[in-house]
Amino acid sequence: MNEKYTVIGIEHRSYVSKKTGKNVEGYNLYLTQEVDDKNLLGVRCCSEWLPPELYSDEIEVGSVVCLGYNRFGRVSFLTIGPFSYGGMV
């Protein structure tokens, strides 16, 4: 399933995993999403983990991105807009 979001923040992260003891590097993308939900007043916000191989310097605050997820719920691809209603222009 593909979802469209607006990037409101980008945070580079580098740490040692407590589970594996290995170095982990990636990016937290902070995002907002306009949704048509009668139970939501305003916009939905969330953060998604992005591994370095999916990150691009083209991603900027204010960019509209489309995220795709794998069967484990992790981001598997990212496309930078502009987008129209159902897909890319």
PDB file of N, CA and C in Angstrom:
ATOM      1  N   MET A   1       0.839  -1.181   0.000  1.00  0.00           N
ATOM      2  CA  MET A   1       0.000   0.000   0.000  1.00  0.00           C
ATOM      3  C   MET A   1       0.882   1.242   0.000  1.00  0.00           C
ATOM      4  N   ASN A   2       0.577   2.192  -0.863  1.00  0.00           N
ATOM      5  CA  ASN A   2       1.342   3.425  -0.965  1.00  0.00           C
ATOM      6  C   ASN A   2       0.604   4.548  -0.259  1.00  0.00           C
ATOM      7  N   GLU A   3       1.349   5.339   0.480  1.00  0.00           N
ATOM      8  CA  GLU A   3       0.764   6.455   1.225  1.00  0.00           C
ATOM      9  C   GLU A   3       1.530   7.728   0.894  1.00  0.00           C
ATOM     10  N   LYS A   4       0.793   8.870   0.754  1.00  0.00           N
ATOM     11  CA  LYS A   4       1.423  10.163   0.494  1.00  0.00           C
ATOM     12  C   LYS A   4       1.562  10.953   1.788  1.00  0.00           C
ATOM     13  N   TYR A   5       2.729  11.572   1.980  1.00  0.00           N
ATOM     14  CA  TYR A   5       3.020  12.350   3.174  1.00  0.00           C
ATOM     15  C   TYR A   5       3.766  13.623   2.800  1.00  0.00           C
ATOM     16  N   THR A   6       3.744  14.612   3.711  1.00  0.00           N
ATOM     17  CA  THR A   6       4.579  15.809   3.600  1.00  0.00           C
ATOM     18  C   THR A   6       5.650  15.718   4.679  1.00  0.00           C
ATOM     19  N   VAL A   7       6.904  15.908   4.286  1.00  0.00           N
ATOM     20  CA  VAL A   7       8.031  15.828   5.223  1.00  0.00           C
ATOM     21  C   VAL A   7       8.087  17.122   6.037  1.00  0.00           C
ATOM     22  N   ILE A   8       8.077  16.983   7.370  1.00  0.00           N
ATOM     23  CA  ILE A   8       8.179  18.159   8.245  1.00  0.00           C
ATOM     24  C   ILE A   8       9.466  18.143   9.063  1.00  0.00           C
ATOM     25  N   GLY A   9      10.222  17.046   8.979  1.00  0.00           N
ATOM     26  CA  GLY A   9      11.492  16.971   9.694  1.00  0.00           C
ATOM     27  C   GLY A   9      12.292  15.754   9.261  1.00  0.00           C
ATOM     28  N   ILE A  10      13.619  15.880   9.330  1.00  0.00           N
ATOM     29  CA  ILE A  10      14.531  14.783   8.976  1.00  0.00           C
ATOM     30  C   ILE A  10      15.597  14.723  10.063  1.00  0.00           C
ATOM     31  N   GLU A  11      15.772  13.550  10.650  1.00  0.00           N
ATOM     32  CA  GLU A  11      16.753  13.385  11.722  1.00  0.00           C
ATOM     33  C   GLU A  11      17.680  12.217  11.399  1.00  0.00           C
ATOM     34  N   HIS A  12      18.975  12.499  11.253  1.00  0.00           N
ATOM     35  CA  HIS A  12      19.953  11.436  11.043  1.00  0.00           C
ATOM     36  C   HIS A  12      20.218  10.754  12.380  1.00  0.00           C
ATOM     37  N   ARG A  13      20.228   9.431  12.377  1.00  0.00           N
ATOM     38  CA  ARG A  13      20.454   8.676  13.609  1.00  0.00           C
ATOM     39  C   ARG A  13      21.575   7.669  13.399  1.00  0.00           C
ATOM     40  N   SER A  14      22.422   7.528  14.408  1.00  0.00           N
ATOM     41  CA  SER A  14      23.487   6.540  14.404  1.00  0.00           C
ATOM     42  C   SER A  14      23.652   6.069  15.838  1.00  0.00           C
ATOM     43  N   TYR A  15      23.508   4.759  16.057  1.00  0.00           N
ATOM     44  CA  TYR A  15      23.580   4.233  17.414  1.00  0.00           C
ATOM     45  C   TYR A  15      23.991   2.768  17.379  1.00  0.00           C
ATOM     46  N   VAL A  16      24.290   2.217  18.557  1.00  0.00           N
ATOM     47  CA  VAL A  16      24.617   0.811  18.693  1.00  0.00           C
ATOM     48  C   VAL A  16      23.367   0.087  19.197  1.00  0.00           C
ATOM     49  N   SER A  17      22.945  -0.943  18.473  1.00  0.00           N
ATOM     50  CA  SER A  17      21.753  -1.700  18.840  1.00  0.00           C
ATOM     51  C   SER A  17      21.980  -2.447  20.149  1.00  0.00           C
ATOM     52  N   LYS A  18      21.026  -2.315  21.060  1.00  0.00           N
ATOM     53  CA  LYS A  18      21.113  -3.051  22.329  1.00  0.00           C
ATOM     54  C   LYS A  18      20.897  -4.542  22.112  1.00  0.00           C
ATOM     55  N   LYS A  19      20.132  -4.906  21.079  1.00  0.00           N
ATOM     56  CA  LYS A  19      19.853  -6.323  20.804  1.00  0.00           C
ATOM     57  C   LYS A  19      21.036  -7.039  20.171  1.00  0.00           C
ATOM     58  N   THR A  20      21.644  -6.394  19.164  1.00  0.00           N
ATOM     59  CA  THR A  20      22.689  -7.074  18.391  1.00  0.00           C
ATOM     60  C   THR A  20      24.097  -6.574  18.689  1.00  0.00           C
ATOM     61  N   GLY A  21      24.222  -5.384  19.265  1.00  0.00           N
ATOM     62  CA  GLY A  21      25.532  -4.791  19.502  1.00  0.00           C
ATOM     63  C   GLY A  21      26.153  -4.197  18.247  1.00  0.00           C
ATOM     64  N   LYS A  22      25.410  -4.181  17.144  1.00  0.00           N
ATOM     65  CA  LYS A  22      25.927  -3.651  15.880  1.00  0.00           C
ATOM     66  C   LYS A  22      25.557  -2.180  15.725  1.00  0.00           C
ATOM     67  N   ASN A  23      26.377  -1.468  14.937  1.00  0.00           N
ATOM     68  CA  ASN A  23      26.077  -0.075  14.610  1.00  0.00           C
ATOM     69  C   ASN A  23      24.876  -0.012  13.678  1.00  0.00           C
ATOM     70  N   VAL A  24      23.964   0.899  13.958  1.00  0.00           N
ATOM     71  CA  VAL A  24      22.778   1.107  13.130  1.00  0.00           C
ATOM     72  C   VAL A  24      22.778   2.564  12.695  1.00  0.00           C
ATOM     73  N   GLU A  25      22.522   2.774  11.411  1.00  0.00           N
ATOM     74  CA  GLU A  25      22.473   4.134  10.894  1.00  0.00           C
ATOM     75  C   GLU A  25      21.253   4.274   9.997  1.00  0.00           C
ATOM     76  N   GLY A  26      20.633   5.435  10.045  1.00  0.00           N
ATOM     77  CA  GLY A  26      19.470   5.686   9.205  1.00  0.00           C
ATOM     78  C   GLY A  26      18.890   7.053   9.506  1.00  0.00           C
ATOM     79  N   TYR A  27      17.643   7.245   9.107  1.00  0.00           N
ATOM     80  CA  TYR A  27      16.991   8.544   9.231  1.00  0.00           C
ATOM     81  C   TYR A  27      15.575   8.369   9.752  1.00  0.00           C
ATOM     82  N   ASN A  28      15.190   9.225  10.687  1.00  0.00           N
ATOM     83  CA  ASN A  28      13.794   9.349  11.075  1.00  0.00           C
ATOM     84  C   ASN A  28      13.202  10.438  10.206  1.00  0.00           C
ATOM     85  N   LEU A  29      12.152  10.099   9.458  1.00  0.00           N
ATOM     86  CA  LEU A  29      11.410  11.104   8.709  1.00  0.00           C
ATOM     87  C   LEU A  29      10.174  11.435   9.519  1.00  0.00           C
ATOM     88  N   TYR A  30       9.964  12.709   9.786  1.00  0.00           N
ATOM     89  CA  TYR A  30       8.771  13.165  10.488  1.00  0.00           C
ATOM     90  C   TYR A  30       7.818  13.688   9.426  1.00  0.00           C
ATOM     91  N   LEU A  31       6.579  13.200   9.456  1.00  0.00           N
ATOM     92  CA  LEU A  31       5.655  13.374   8.348  1.00  0.00           C
ATOM     93  C   LEU A  31       4.271  13.803   8.804  1.00  0.00           C
ATOM     94  N   THR A  32       3.556  14.495   7.909  1.00  0.00           N
ATOM     95  CA  THR A  32       2.132  14.751   8.108  1.00  0.00           C
ATOM     96  C   THR A  32       1.388  14.170   6.916  1.00  0.00           C
ATOM     97  N   GLN A  33       0.108  13.871   7.154  1.00  0.00           N
ATOM     98  CA  GLN A  33      -0.711  13.288   6.103  1.00  0.00           C
ATOM     99  C   GLN A  33      -2.124  13.847   6.182  1.00  0.00           C
ATOM    100  N   GLU A  34      -2.595  14.381   5.075  1.00  0.00           N
ATOM    101  CA  GLU A  34      -3.990  14.838   4.987  1.00  0.00           C
ATOM    102  C   GLU A  34      -4.851  13.596   4.806  1.00  0.00           C
ATOM    103  N   VAL A  35      -5.840  13.422   5.663  1.00  0.00           N
ATOM    104  CA  VAL A  35      -6.721  12.270   5.546  1.00  0.00           C
ATOM    105  C   VAL A  35      -8.176  12.718   5.614  1.00  0.00           C
ATOM    106  N   ASP A  36      -9.027  11.954   4.968  1.00  0.00           N
ATOM    107  CA  ASP A  36     -10.464  12.212   5.015  1.00  0.00           C
ATOM    108  C   ASP A  36     -11.061  11.238   6.023  1.00  0.00           C
ATOM    109  N   ASP A  37     -11.056  11.639   7.278  1.00  0.00           N
ATOM    110  CA  ASP A  37     -11.535  10.785   8.358  1.00  0.00           C
ATOM    111  C   ASP A  37     -12.418  11.624   9.272  1.00  0.00           C
ATOM    112  N   LYS A  38     -13.667  11.227   9.392  1.00  0.00           N
ATOM    113  CA  LYS A  38     -14.607  12.016  10.197  1.00  0.00           C
ATOM    114  C   LYS A  38     -14.214  12.066  11.669  1.00  0.00           C
ATOM    115  N   ASN A  39     -13.339  11.146  12.105  1.00  0.00           N
ATOM    116  CA  ASN A  39     -12.909  11.110  13.499  1.00  0.00           C
ATOM    117  C   ASN A  39     -11.649  11.925  13.759  1.00  0.00           C
ATOM    118  N   LEU A  40     -11.077  12.518  12.705  1.00  0.00           N
ATOM    119  CA  LEU A  40      -9.829  13.268  12.842  1.00  0.00           C
ATOM    120  C   LEU A  40     -10.050  14.725  12.494  1.00  0.00           C
ATOM    121  N   LEU A  41      -9.683  15.592  13.406  1.00  0.00           N
ATOM    122  CA  LEU A  41      -9.729  17.032  13.170  1.00  0.00           C
ATOM    123  C   LEU A  41      -8.289  17.491  13.000  1.00  0.00           C
ATOM    124  N   GLY A  42      -7.931  17.987  11.825  1.00  0.00           N
ATOM    125  CA  GLY A  42      -6.557  18.400  11.561  1.00  0.00           C
ATOM    126  C   GLY A  42      -5.864  17.415  10.632  1.00  0.00           C
ATOM    127  N   VAL A  43      -4.560  17.232  10.823  1.00  0.00           N
ATOM    128  CA  VAL A  43      -3.786  16.318   9.989  1.00  0.00           C
ATOM    129  C   VAL A  43      -3.175  15.230  10.861  1.00  0.00           C
ATOM    130  N   ARG A  44      -2.928  14.086  10.260  1.00  0.00           N
ATOM    131  CA  ARG A  44      -2.272  12.983  10.960  1.00  0.00           C
ATOM    132  C   ARG A  44      -0.764  13.196  10.868  1.00  0.00           C
ATOM    133  N   CYS A  45      -0.044  12.898  11.942  1.00  0.00           N
ATOM    134  CA  CYS A  45       1.417  13.004  11.916  1.00  0.00           C
ATOM    135  C   CYS A  45       2.022  11.697  12.412  1.00  0.00           C
ATOM    136  N   CYS A  46       3.229  11.404  11.913  1.00  0.00           N
ATOM    137  CA  CYS A  46       3.897  10.161  12.289  1.00  0.00           C
ATOM    138  C   CYS A  46       5.386  10.286  11.968  1.00  0.00           C
ATOM    139  N   SER A  47       6.129   9.271  12.337  1.00  0.00           N
ATOM    140  CA  SER A  47       7.533   9.197  11.927  1.00  0.00           C
ATOM    141  C   SER A  47       7.778   7.818  11.335  1.00  0.00           C
ATOM    142  N   GLU A  48       8.683   7.751  10.387  1.00  0.00           N
ATOM    143  CA  GLU A  48       9.053   6.496   9.742  1.00  0.00           C
ATOM    144  C   GLU A  48      10.568   6.387   9.702  1.00  0.00           C
ATOM    145  N   TRP A  49      11.079   5.177   9.938  1.00  0.00           N
ATOM    146  CA  TRP A  49      12.510   4.897   9.871  1.00  0.00           C
ATOM    147  C   TRP A  49      12.884   4.635   8.417  1.00  0.00           C
ATOM    148  N   LEU A  50      13.960   5.285   7.976  1.00  0.00           N
ATOM    149  CA  LEU A  50      14.432   5.121   6.611  1.00  0.00           C
ATOM    150  C   LEU A  50      15.886   4.673   6.645  1.00  0.00           C
ATOM    151  N   PRO A  51      16.193   3.494   6.100  1.00  0.00           N
ATOM    152  CA  PRO A  51      17.587   3.051   6.054  1.00  0.00           C
ATOM    153  C   PRO A  51      18.387   3.910   5.074  1.00  0.00           C
ATOM    154  N   PRO A  52      19.710   3.973   5.242  1.00  0.00           N
ATOM    155  CA  PRO A  52      20.533   4.851   4.397  1.00  0.00           C
ATOM    156  C   PRO A  52      20.376   4.588   2.897  1.00  0.00           C
ATOM    157  N   GLU A  53      20.148   3.341   2.505  1.00  0.00           N
ATOM    158  CA  GLU A  53      20.043   3.028   1.071  1.00  0.00           C
ATOM    159  C   GLU A  53      18.779   3.611   0.427  1.00  0.00           C
ATOM    160  N   LEU A  54      17.788   3.993   1.229  1.00  0.00           N
ATOM    161  CA  LEU A  54      16.576   4.625   0.687  1.00  0.00           C
ATOM    162  C   LEU A  54      16.619   6.147   0.787  1.00  0.00           C
ATOM    163  N   TYR A  55      17.578   6.683   1.541  1.00  0.00           N
ATOM    164  CA  TYR A  55      17.649   8.133   1.734  1.00  0.00           C
ATOM    165  C   TYR A  55      18.275   8.803   0.523  1.00  0.00           C
ATOM    166  N   SER A  56      17.807  10.015   0.225  1.00  0.00           N
ATOM    167  CA  SER A  56      18.344  10.823  -0.867  1.00  0.00           C
ATOM    168  C   SER A  56      18.425  12.274  -0.398  1.00  0.00           C
ATOM    169  N   ASP A  57      19.435  12.989  -0.855  1.00  0.00           N
ATOM    170  CA  ASP A  57      19.548  14.413  -0.530  1.00  0.00           C
ATOM    171  C   ASP A  57      18.419  15.224  -1.163  1.00  0.00           C
ATOM    172  N   GLU A  58      17.664  14.623  -2.080  1.00  0.00           N
ATOM    173  CA  GLU A  58      16.518  15.304  -2.688  1.00  0.00           C
ATOM    174  C   GLU A  58      15.353  15.416  -1.714  1.00  0.00           C
ATOM    175  N   ILE A  59      15.355  14.613  -0.658  1.00  0.00           N
ATOM    176  CA  ILE A  59      14.295  14.696   0.349  1.00  0.00           C
ATOM    177  C   ILE A  59      14.573  15.920   1.200  1.00  0.00           C
ATOM    178  N   GLU A  60      13.627  16.846   1.214  1.00  0.00           N
ATOM    179  CA  GLU A  60      13.772  18.083   1.978  1.00  0.00           C
ATOM    180  C   GLU A  60      12.523  18.315   2.801  1.00  0.00           C
ATOM    181  N   VAL A  61      12.657  19.149   3.825  1.00  0.00           N
ATOM    182  CA  VAL A  61      11.476  19.565   4.567  1.00  0.00           C
ATOM    183  C   VAL A  61      10.544  20.261   3.585  1.00  0.00           C
ATOM    184  N   GLY A  62       9.289  19.855   3.573  1.00  0.00           N
ATOM    185  CA  GLY A  62       8.313  20.382   2.633  1.00  0.00           C
ATOM    186  C   GLY A  62       8.073  19.478   1.431  1.00  0.00           C
ATOM    187  N   SER A  63       8.962  18.501   1.213  1.00  0.00           N
ATOM    188  CA  SER A  63       8.768  17.562   0.100  1.00  0.00           C
ATOM    189  C   SER A  63       7.530  16.718   0.330  1.00  0.00           C
ATOM    190  N   VAL A  64       6.846  16.395  -0.771  1.00  0.00           N
ATOM    191  CA  VAL A  64       5.760  15.424  -0.716  1.00  0.00           C
ATOM    192  C   VAL A  64       6.353  14.099  -1.182  1.00  0.00           C
ATOM    193  N   VAL A  65       6.185  13.067  -0.363  1.00  0.00           N
ATOM    194  CA  VAL A  65       6.758  11.761  -0.674  1.00  0.00           C
ATOM    195  C   VAL A  65       5.665  10.698  -0.638  1.00  0.00           C
ATOM    196  N   CYS A  66       5.890   9.651  -1.386  1.00  0.00           N
ATOM    197  CA  CYS A  66       5.019   8.486  -1.374  1.00  0.00           C
ATOM    198  C   CYS A  66       5.850   7.333  -0.828  1.00  0.00           C
ATOM    199  N   LEU A  67       5.363   6.703   0.231  1.00  0.00           N
ATOM    200  CA  LEU A  67       6.066   5.587   0.845  1.00  0.00           C
ATOM    201  C   LEU A  67       5.353   4.288   0.542  1.00  0.00           C
ATOM    202  N   GLY A  68       6.126   3.259   0.268  1.00  0.00           N
ATOM    203  CA  GLY A  68       5.593   1.914   0.098  1.00  0.00           C
ATOM    204  C   GLY A  68       6.166   1.031   1.196  1.00  0.00           C
ATOM    205  N   TYR A  69       5.388   0.068   1.617  1.00  0.00           N
ATOM    206  CA  TYR A  69       5.766  -0.772   2.759  1.00  0.00           C
ATOM    207  C   TYR A  69       5.855  -2.232   2.346  1.00  0.00           C
ATOM    208  N   ASN A  70       6.762  -2.968   3.005  1.00  0.00           N
ATOM    209  CA  ASN A  70       6.860  -4.404   2.763  1.00  0.00           C
ATOM    210  C   ASN A  70       5.895  -5.152   3.692  1.00  0.00           C
ATOM    211  N   ARG A  71       5.925  -6.446   3.660  1.00  0.00           N
ATOM    212  CA  ARG A  71       4.969  -7.235   4.454  1.00  0.00           C
ATOM    213  C   ARG A  71       5.216  -7.133   5.949  1.00  0.00           C
ATOM    214  N   PHE A  72       6.367  -6.603   6.351  1.00  0.00           N
ATOM    215  CA  PHE A  72       6.675  -6.426   7.770  1.00  0.00           C
ATOM    216  C   PHE A  72       6.326  -5.026   8.268  1.00  0.00           C
ATOM    217  N   GLY A  73       5.778  -4.180   7.375  1.00  0.00           N
ATOM    218  CA  GLY A  73       5.394  -2.831   7.744  1.00  0.00           C
ATOM    219  C   GLY A  73       6.533  -1.837   7.727  1.00  0.00           C
ATOM    220  N   ARG A  74       7.673  -2.218   7.138  1.00  0.00           N
ATOM    221  CA  ARG A  74       8.812  -1.306   7.027  1.00  0.00           C
ATOM    222  C   ARG A  74       8.800  -0.628   5.661  1.00  0.00           C
ATOM    223  N   VAL A  75       9.338   0.577   5.621  1.00  0.00           N
ATOM    224  CA  VAL A  75       9.400   1.302   4.351  1.00  0.00           C
ATOM    225  C   VAL A  75      10.304   0.538   3.393  1.00  0.00           C
ATOM    226  N   SER A  76       9.776   0.223   2.204  1.00  0.00           N
ATOM    227  CA  SER A  76      10.564  -0.515   1.215  1.00  0.00           C
ATOM    228  C   SER A  76      10.917   0.343   0.003  1.00  0.00           C
ATOM    229  N   PHE A  77      10.156   1.439  -0.219  1.00  0.00           N
ATOM    230  CA  PHE A  77      10.543   2.382  -1.256  1.00  0.00           C
ATOM    231  C   PHE A  77       9.982   3.755  -0.936  1.00  0.00           C
ATOM    232  N   LEU A  78      10.604   4.750  -1.540  1.00  0.00           N
ATOM    233  CA  LEU A  78      10.204   6.138  -1.353  1.00  0.00           C
ATOM    234  C   LEU A  78      10.287   6.827  -2.701  1.00  0.00           C
ATOM    235  N   THR A  79       9.227   7.547  -3.064  1.00  0.00           N
ATOM    236  CA  THR A  79       9.201   8.333  -4.289  1.00  0.00           C
ATOM    237  C   THR A  79       8.913   9.775  -3.901  1.00  0.00           C
ATOM    238  N   ILE A  80       9.659  10.702  -4.497  1.00  0.00           N
ATOM    239  CA  ILE A  80       9.466  12.122  -4.208  1.00  0.00           C
ATOM    240  C   ILE A  80       8.509  12.700  -5.246  1.00  0.00           C
ATOM    241  N   GLY A  81       7.495  13.498  -4.751  1.00  0.00           N
ATOM    242  CA  GLY A  81       6.454  14.070  -5.611  1.00  0.00           C
ATOM    243  C   GLY A  81       7.004  15.030  -6.631  1.00  0.00           C
ATOM    244  N   PRO A  82       6.168  15.689  -7.405  1.00  0.00           N
ATOM    245  CA  PRO A  82       4.750  15.979  -7.150  1.00  0.00           C
ATOM    246  C   PRO A  82       3.860  14.814  -7.556  1.00  0.00           C
ATOM    247  N   PHE A  83       2.711  14.738  -6.909  1.00  0.00           N
ATOM    248  CA  PHE A  83       1.737  13.687  -7.167  1.00  0.00           C
ATOM    249  C   PHE A  83       0.384  14.316  -7.445  1.00  0.00           C
ATOM    250  N   SER A  84      -0.423  13.597  -8.198  1.00  0.00           N
ATOM    251  CA  SER A  84      -1.824  13.973  -8.350  1.00  0.00           C
ATOM    252  C   SER A  84      -2.625  12.994  -7.496  1.00  0.00           C
ATOM    253  N   TYR A  85      -3.899  12.889  -7.716  1.00  0.00           N
ATOM    254  CA  TYR A  85      -4.784  12.141  -6.832  1.00  0.00           C
ATOM    255  C   TYR A  85      -4.316  10.719  -6.548  1.00  0.00           C
ATOM    256  N   GLY A  86      -4.111   9.883  -7.553  1.00  0.00           N
ATOM    257  CA  GLY A  86      -3.827   8.485  -7.283  1.00  0.00           C
ATOM    258  C   GLY A  86      -2.394   8.081  -7.513  1.00  0.00           C
ATOM    259  N   GLY A  87      -1.558   8.947  -8.039  1.00  0.00           N
ATOM    260  CA  GLY A  87      -0.192   8.547  -8.316  1.00  0.00           C
ATOM    261  C   GLY A  87       0.643   9.713  -8.769  1.00  0.00           C
ATOM    262  N   MET A  88       1.689   9.409  -9.480  1.00  0.00           N
ATOM    263  CA  MET A  88       2.609  10.448  -9.918  1.00  0.00           C
ATOM    264  C   MET A  88       2.033  11.194 -11.111  1.00  0.00           C
ATOM    265  N   VAL A  89       2.414  12.455 -11.218  1.00  0.00           N
ATOM    266  CA  VAL A  89       1.985  13.293 -12.347  1.00  0.00           C
ATOM    267  C   VAL A  89       2.793  12.914 -13.563  1.00  0.00           C
TER     268      VAL A  89
END
